[in-house]
Amino acid sequence: MPSTYPSRSATKLRRVTRDEWIAEFARQAGVERPSTQEVRELLALAGAAAHASERTAAPLACWIAGRAQLPLADLLAVAERVAAGEDG
C-alpha cells in the first residue's frame, strides 16, 4: 500500500534552522511563534512523552497541548504524572 506522504527524496528540502522553520510555519499557520520559554517548555513536554512511551507520543502530546486551555507548565506537570503512572 503506497504512503500518502511524500518521501524525503521526493520533496525538495531547503536547509534552515529549527527556529527559522518554526517562525515560518507559525506565520503561514496564522499564529504567533512560540517564545524562547515556550520552546523550552514544549521540548520538555515532548521529552517527557517520548521517554515515558513510544517516541511518537511526543508530537501527539504537543498537538494535545496546542488544543488544551492550560499553561505549558501545567501540561508538563500532567505529562510527568502520566509518565509516573499517577491518576490525575
C-alpha atoms as a PDB file:
ATOM      1  CA  MET A   1       0.000   0.000   0.000  1.00  0.00           C
ATOM      2  CA  PRO A   2       1.590   3.327  -1.032  1.00  0.00           C
ATOM      3  CA  SER A   3       2.196   6.013   1.569  1.00  0.00           C
ATOM      4  CA  THR A   4       0.059   9.162   1.482  1.00  0.00           C
ATOM      5  CA  TYR A   5       3.070  11.246   2.466  1.00  0.00           C
ATOM      6  CA  PRO A   6       5.787  12.259   0.007  1.00  0.00           C
ATOM      7  CA  SER A   7       9.174  10.731   0.661  1.00  0.00           C
ATOM      8  CA  ARG A   8      12.019  12.997   1.703  1.00  0.00           C
ATOM      9  CA  SER A   9      13.716  12.310  -1.613  1.00  0.00           C
ATOM     10  CA  ALA A  10      10.537  13.309  -3.471  1.00  0.00           C
ATOM     11  CA  THR A  11      10.405  16.735  -1.836  1.00  0.00           C
ATOM     12  CA  LYS A  12      12.928  19.488  -2.299  1.00  0.00           C
ATOM     13  CA  LEU A  13      14.224  20.294   1.170  1.00  0.00           C
ATOM     14  CA  ARG A  14      15.689  23.668   1.990  1.00  0.00           C
ATOM     15  CA  ARG A  15      18.038  23.716   4.959  1.00  0.00           C
ATOM     16  CA  VAL A  16      17.032  26.213   7.620  1.00  0.00           C
ATOM     17  CA  THR A  17      17.437  26.311  11.370  1.00  0.00           C
ATOM     18  CA  ARG A  18      14.771  24.973  13.683  1.00  0.00           C
ATOM     19  CA  ASP A  19      13.834  28.496  14.752  1.00  0.00           C
ATOM     20  CA  GLU A  20      13.622  29.750  11.155  1.00  0.00           C
ATOM     21  CA  TRP A  21      11.401  26.809  10.204  1.00  0.00           C
ATOM     22  CA  ILE A  22       9.140  27.264  13.237  1.00  0.00           C
ATOM     23  CA  ALA A  23       8.827  31.024  12.622  1.00  0.00           C
ATOM     24  CA  GLU A  24       7.805  30.482   9.006  1.00  0.00           C
ATOM     25  CA  PHE A  25       5.453  27.618   9.894  1.00  0.00           C
ATOM     26  CA  ALA A  26       3.776  29.784  12.544  1.00  0.00           C
ATOM     27  CA  ARG A  27       3.491  32.702  10.128  1.00  0.00           C
ATOM     28  CA  GLN A  28       1.881  30.572   7.443  1.00  0.00           C
ATOM     29  CA  ALA A  29      -0.409  28.921  10.008  1.00  0.00           C
ATOM     30  CA  GLY A  30      -1.523  32.374  11.140  1.00  0.00           C
ATOM     31  CA  VAL A  31      -0.326  32.083  14.729  1.00  0.00           C
ATOM     32  CA  GLU A  32       2.375  33.710  16.809  1.00  0.00           C
ATOM     33  CA  ARG A  33       5.613  31.771  17.001  1.00  0.00           C
ATOM     34  CA  PRO A  34       6.490  30.348  20.408  1.00  0.00           C
ATOM     35  CA  SER A  35       8.687  32.363  22.725  1.00  0.00           C
ATOM     36  CA  THR A  36      12.047  31.038  23.869  1.00  0.00           C
ATOM     37  CA  GLN A  37      10.453  29.945  27.167  1.00  0.00           C
ATOM     38  CA  GLU A  38       7.572  28.244  25.341  1.00  0.00           C
ATOM     39  CA  VAL A  39      10.060  26.383  23.142  1.00  0.00           C
ATOM     40  CA  ARG A  40      11.853  25.129  26.259  1.00  0.00           C
ATOM     41  CA  GLU A  41       8.564  24.022  27.837  1.00  0.00           C
ATOM     42  CA  LEU A  42       7.321  22.338  24.655  1.00  0.00           C
ATOM     43  CA  LEU A  43      10.588  20.449  24.275  1.00  0.00           C
ATOM     44  CA  ALA A  44      10.369  19.360  27.920  1.00  0.00           C
ATOM     45  CA  LEU A  45       6.794  18.180  27.329  1.00  0.00           C
ATOM     46  CA  ALA A  46       7.837  16.292  24.196  1.00  0.00           C
ATOM     47  CA  GLY A  47      10.762  14.758  26.075  1.00  0.00           C
ATOM     48  CA  ALA A  48       8.529  13.592  28.921  1.00  0.00           C
ATOM     49  CA  ALA A  49       6.161  11.935  26.459  1.00  0.00           C
ATOM     50  CA  ALA A  50       8.901  10.379  24.342  1.00  0.00           C
ATOM     51  CA  HIS A  51      10.835   8.978  27.297  1.00  0.00           C
ATOM     52  CA  ALA A  52       7.783   7.535  29.054  1.00  0.00           C
ATOM     53  CA  SER A  53       6.288   5.922  25.955  1.00  0.00           C
ATOM     54  CA  GLU A  54       6.971   5.490  22.279  1.00  0.00           C
ATOM     55  CA  ARG A  55       8.768   8.397  20.621  1.00  0.00           C
ATOM     56  CA  THR A  56       5.677   9.128  18.537  1.00  0.00           C
ATOM     57  CA  ALA A  57       3.893  10.214  21.732  1.00  0.00           C
ATOM     58  CA  ALA A  58       5.944  13.443  21.658  1.00  0.00           C
ATOM     59  CA  PRO A  59       4.352  15.186  18.659  1.00  0.00           C
ATOM     60  CA  LEU A  60       0.914  13.940  19.648  1.00  0.00           C
ATOM     61  CA  ALA A  61       1.338  15.297  23.190  1.00  0.00           C
ATOM     62  CA  CYS A  62       2.334  18.652  21.700  1.00  0.00           C
ATOM     63  CA  TRP A  63      -0.756  18.603  19.469  1.00  0.00           C
ATOM     64  CA  ILE A  64      -2.925  17.978  22.531  1.00  0.00           C
ATOM     65  CA  ALA A  65      -1.084  20.782  24.358  1.00  0.00           C
ATOM     66  CA  GLY A  66      -1.904  23.128  21.495  1.00  0.00           C
ATOM     67  CA  ARG A  67      -5.585  22.343  21.829  1.00  0.00           C
ATOM     68  CA  ALA A  68      -5.694  22.479  25.630  1.00  0.00           C
ATOM     69  CA  GLN A  69      -6.571  25.635  27.510  1.00  0.00           C
ATOM     70  CA  LEU A  70      -3.805  25.106  30.067  1.00  0.00           C
ATOM     71  CA  PRO A  71      -0.423  26.785  30.558  1.00  0.00           C
ATOM     72  CA  LEU A  72       2.550  24.749  29.320  1.00  0.00           C
ATOM     73  CA  ALA A  73       3.904  24.410  32.864  1.00  0.00           C
ATOM     74  CA  ASP A  74       0.633  22.748  33.918  1.00  0.00           C
ATOM     75  CA  LEU A  75       0.715  20.466  30.885  1.00  0.00           C
ATOM     76  CA  LEU A  76       4.267  19.399  31.708  1.00  0.00           C
ATOM     77  CA  ALA A  77       3.087  18.525  35.241  1.00  0.00           C
ATOM     78  CA  VAL A  78       0.285  16.434  33.709  1.00  0.00           C
ATOM     79  CA  ALA A  79       2.785  14.682  31.417  1.00  0.00           C
ATOM     80  CA  GLU A  80       5.035  13.914  34.371  1.00  0.00           C
ATOM     81  CA  ARG A  81       2.070  12.453  36.313  1.00  0.00           C
ATOM     82  CA  VAL A  82       1.122  10.292  33.343  1.00  0.00           C
ATOM     83  CA  ALA A  83       4.747   9.162  32.992  1.00  0.00           C
ATOM     84  CA  ALA A  84       4.806   8.217  36.677  1.00  0.00           C
ATOM     85  CA  GLY A  85       1.581   6.255  36.277  1.00  0.00           C
ATOM     86  CA  GLU A  86      -0.374   8.574  38.561  1.00  0.00           C
ATOM     87  CA  ASP A  87      -4.067   9.216  38.073  1.00  0.00           C
ATOM     88  CA  GLY A  88      -4.992  12.899  37.885  1.00  0.00           C
END
